[in-house]
N, C-alpha and C. Protein backbone atom coordinates (compact mmCIF):
# COMPACT_ATOMS: atom_id res chain seq x y z
N UNK A 1 -7.57 -11.63 4.21
CA UNK A 1 -7.07 -12.81 3.45
C UNK A 1 -5.72 -12.50 2.86
N UNK A 2 -5.63 -11.25 2.20
CA UNK A 2 -4.33 -10.90 1.60
C UNK A 2 -3.26 -10.69 2.62
N UNK A 3 -3.59 -10.20 3.80
CA UNK A 3 -2.57 -10.06 4.82
C UNK A 3 -1.97 -11.40 5.21
N UNK A 4 -2.89 -12.38 5.36
CA UNK A 4 -2.54 -13.78 5.70
C UNK A 4 -1.64 -14.32 4.58
N UNK A 5 -2.07 -14.08 3.30
CA UNK A 5 -1.29 -14.60 2.16
C UNK A 5 0.09 -14.01 2.16
N UNK A 6 0.23 -12.70 2.51
CA UNK A 6 1.46 -11.98 2.56
C UNK A 6 2.42 -12.68 3.58
N UNK A 7 1.89 -13.03 4.80
CA UNK A 7 2.62 -13.63 5.74
C UNK A 7 3.10 -15.08 5.30
N UNK A 8 2.27 -15.72 4.62
CA UNK A 8 2.54 -17.18 4.15
C UNK A 8 3.46 -17.12 3.00
N UNK A 9 3.40 -16.14 2.13
CA UNK A 9 4.15 -15.97 0.90
C UNK A 9 4.81 -14.65 0.81
N UNK A 10 5.75 -14.35 1.76
CA UNK A 10 6.33 -12.99 1.80
C UNK A 10 7.10 -12.59 0.60
N UNK A 11 7.53 -13.44 -0.28
CA UNK A 11 8.22 -13.14 -1.42
C UNK A 11 7.34 -13.01 -2.80
N UNK A 12 6.07 -13.08 -2.54
CA UNK A 12 5.12 -13.16 -3.72
C UNK A 12 4.79 -11.74 -4.12
N UNK A 13 5.33 -11.29 -5.33
CA UNK A 13 4.90 -10.05 -5.84
C UNK A 13 3.45 -9.92 -6.17
N UNK A 14 2.94 -11.07 -6.67
CA UNK A 14 1.47 -11.12 -6.92
C UNK A 14 0.65 -10.70 -5.82
N UNK A 15 0.96 -11.32 -4.61
CA UNK A 15 0.16 -11.07 -3.48
C UNK A 15 0.23 -9.56 -3.05
N UNK A 16 1.48 -9.05 -3.10
CA UNK A 16 1.72 -7.72 -2.73
C UNK A 16 0.98 -6.72 -3.62
N UNK A 17 0.99 -6.95 -4.95
CA UNK A 17 0.34 -6.08 -5.87
C UNK A 17 -1.24 -6.10 -5.66
N UNK A 18 -1.80 -7.40 -5.53
CA UNK A 18 -3.23 -7.39 -5.27
C UNK A 18 -3.66 -6.74 -3.95
N UNK A 19 -2.66 -6.92 -2.87
CA UNK A 19 -2.87 -6.29 -1.67
C UNK A 19 -2.95 -4.79 -1.77
N UNK A 20 -1.98 -4.23 -2.54
CA UNK A 20 -1.89 -2.86 -2.84
C UNK A 20 -3.21 -2.27 -3.50
N UNK A 21 -3.77 -3.00 -4.37
CA UNK A 21 -4.99 -2.62 -5.15
C UNK A 21 -6.15 -2.57 -4.05
N UNK A 22 -6.14 -3.54 -3.19
CA UNK A 22 -7.16 -3.63 -2.20
C UNK A 22 -7.07 -2.46 -1.19
N UNK A 23 -5.81 -2.19 -0.78
CA UNK A 23 -5.55 -1.06 0.08
C UNK A 23 -6.02 0.22 -0.56
N UNK A 24 -5.78 0.47 -1.78
CA UNK A 24 -6.23 1.66 -2.50
C UNK A 24 -7.77 1.66 -2.51
N UNK A 25 -8.52 0.57 -2.76
CA UNK A 25 -9.85 0.63 -2.83
C UNK A 25 -10.44 0.86 -1.38
N UNK A 26 -9.70 0.53 -0.39
CA UNK A 26 -10.09 0.74 1.00
C UNK A 26 -9.77 2.18 1.49
N UNK A 27 -9.41 3.11 0.52
CA UNK A 27 -9.00 4.50 0.82
C UNK A 27 -7.81 4.57 1.67
N UNK A 28 -6.84 3.71 1.43
CA UNK A 28 -5.51 3.78 2.12
C UNK A 28 -4.48 3.86 1.03
N UNK A 29 -4.50 4.99 0.30
CA UNK A 29 -3.45 5.12 -0.84
C UNK A 29 -2.05 5.12 -0.45
N UNK A 30 -1.72 5.75 0.65
CA UNK A 30 -0.35 5.76 1.07
C UNK A 30 0.22 4.39 1.29
N UNK A 31 -0.57 3.53 1.87
CA UNK A 31 -0.09 2.16 2.08
C UNK A 31 -0.01 1.45 0.80
N UNK A 32 -0.93 1.71 -0.13
CA UNK A 32 -0.91 1.05 -1.36
C UNK A 32 0.32 1.48 -2.21
N UNK A 33 0.60 2.69 -2.23
CA UNK A 33 1.81 3.11 -2.93
C UNK A 33 3.06 2.58 -2.31
N UNK A 34 3.09 2.56 -0.95
CA UNK A 34 4.23 2.00 -0.30
C UNK A 34 4.45 0.56 -0.66
N UNK A 35 3.32 -0.22 -0.77
CA UNK A 35 3.41 -1.62 -1.14
C UNK A 35 3.97 -1.83 -2.54
N UNK A 36 3.43 -1.00 -3.47
CA UNK A 36 3.84 -1.07 -4.85
C UNK A 36 5.35 -0.58 -5.01
N UNK A 37 5.70 0.40 -4.29
CA UNK A 37 7.13 0.86 -4.39
C UNK A 37 8.13 -0.28 -3.81
N UNK A 38 7.62 -1.00 -2.85
CA UNK A 38 8.40 -2.12 -2.36
C UNK A 38 8.60 -3.12 -3.31
N UNK A 39 7.51 -3.45 -4.16
CA UNK A 39 7.55 -4.48 -5.14
C UNK A 39 8.55 -4.03 -6.24
N UNK A 40 8.33 -2.84 -6.73
CA UNK A 40 9.12 -2.31 -7.82
C UNK A 40 10.61 -2.20 -7.47
N UNK A 41 10.96 -1.67 -6.25
CA UNK A 41 12.38 -1.55 -5.88
C UNK A 41 12.95 -2.89 -5.67
N UNK A 42 12.18 -3.92 -5.44
CA UNK A 42 12.72 -5.26 -5.26
C UNK A 42 13.31 -5.78 -6.50
N UNK A 43 12.99 -5.10 -7.67
CA UNK A 43 13.50 -5.54 -9.00
C UNK A 43 14.28 -4.41 -9.65
N UNK A 44 14.83 -3.49 -8.89
CA UNK A 44 15.46 -2.28 -9.37
C UNK A 44 16.68 -2.63 -10.23
N UNK A 45 17.38 -3.76 -9.94
CA UNK A 45 18.54 -4.12 -10.68
C UNK A 45 18.23 -4.51 -12.08
N UNK A 46 16.95 -4.81 -12.45
CA UNK A 46 16.67 -5.24 -13.79
C UNK A 46 15.87 -4.14 -14.53
N UNK A 47 15.81 -2.94 -13.94
CA UNK A 47 15.14 -1.81 -14.58
C UNK A 47 16.06 -0.63 -14.45
N UNK A 48 15.61 0.55 -14.98
CA UNK A 48 16.46 1.68 -14.88
C UNK A 48 16.35 2.47 -13.51
N UNK A 49 15.62 1.77 -12.52
CA UNK A 49 15.39 2.30 -11.25
C UNK A 49 16.59 2.19 -10.35
N UNK A 50 17.58 1.42 -10.66
CA UNK A 50 18.67 1.05 -9.80
C UNK A 50 19.19 2.16 -8.88
N UNK A 51 19.46 3.31 -9.55
CA UNK A 51 20.08 4.44 -8.80
C UNK A 51 19.09 5.13 -7.88
N UNK A 52 17.73 4.85 -8.15
CA UNK A 52 16.77 5.55 -7.36
C UNK A 52 16.24 4.59 -6.22
N UNK A 53 16.59 3.43 -6.25
CA UNK A 53 15.99 2.37 -5.34
C UNK A 53 16.13 2.71 -3.94
N UNK A 54 17.20 3.21 -3.41
CA UNK A 54 17.29 3.46 -2.02
C UNK A 54 16.32 4.61 -1.58
N UNK A 55 16.23 5.68 -2.45
CA UNK A 55 15.30 6.80 -2.14
C UNK A 55 13.79 6.28 -2.18
N UNK A 56 13.56 5.46 -3.14
CA UNK A 56 12.19 4.99 -3.29
C UNK A 56 11.86 4.06 -2.10
N UNK A 57 12.87 3.31 -1.70
CA UNK A 57 12.45 2.41 -0.53
C UNK A 57 12.24 3.24 0.72
N UNK A 58 13.04 4.39 0.89
CA UNK A 58 12.75 5.30 1.95
C UNK A 58 11.45 5.96 1.90
N UNK A 59 11.00 6.31 0.65
CA UNK A 59 9.69 6.89 0.53
C UNK A 59 8.63 5.86 0.87
N UNK A 60 8.77 4.70 0.38
CA UNK A 60 7.80 3.55 0.76
C UNK A 60 7.73 3.45 2.25
N UNK A 61 8.82 3.44 3.02
CA UNK A 61 8.75 3.27 4.51
C UNK A 61 8.11 4.46 5.13
N UNK A 62 8.38 5.68 4.68
CA UNK A 62 7.78 6.86 5.16
C UNK A 62 6.25 6.85 5.00
N UNK A 63 5.86 6.38 3.85
CA UNK A 63 4.32 6.33 3.52
C UNK A 63 3.73 5.16 4.42
N UNK A 64 4.45 4.10 4.49
CA UNK A 64 3.86 2.95 5.38
C UNK A 64 3.83 3.37 6.75
N UNK A 65 4.73 4.22 7.27
CA UNK A 65 4.75 4.67 8.61
C UNK A 65 3.72 5.78 8.92
N UNK A 66 2.96 6.25 7.85
CA UNK A 66 2.02 7.18 8.13
C UNK A 66 2.50 8.63 7.92
N UNK A 67 3.50 8.82 7.20
CA UNK A 67 4.10 10.15 6.90
C UNK A 67 4.63 10.87 8.21
N UNK A 68 5.38 10.25 8.99
CA UNK A 68 5.86 10.89 10.30
C UNK A 68 6.73 12.16 9.91
N UNK A 69 6.63 13.11 10.81
CA UNK A 69 7.40 14.35 10.70
C UNK A 69 8.84 14.12 10.81
């Protein structure tokens, strides 16, 4: 259901956060952290994360891709 909601509302932070919590409950912590990092870095300009956003986005992608070598 949350995957469908994400497709229908791709810019919804709420959907992404709840999806991340569900992924974590499903024993998929890397995907959960990747989802949360994506949400957080989407707002990096209004936090003190601005200078770290590119690296955090890279980490999110690496986790989402299954930690490739």
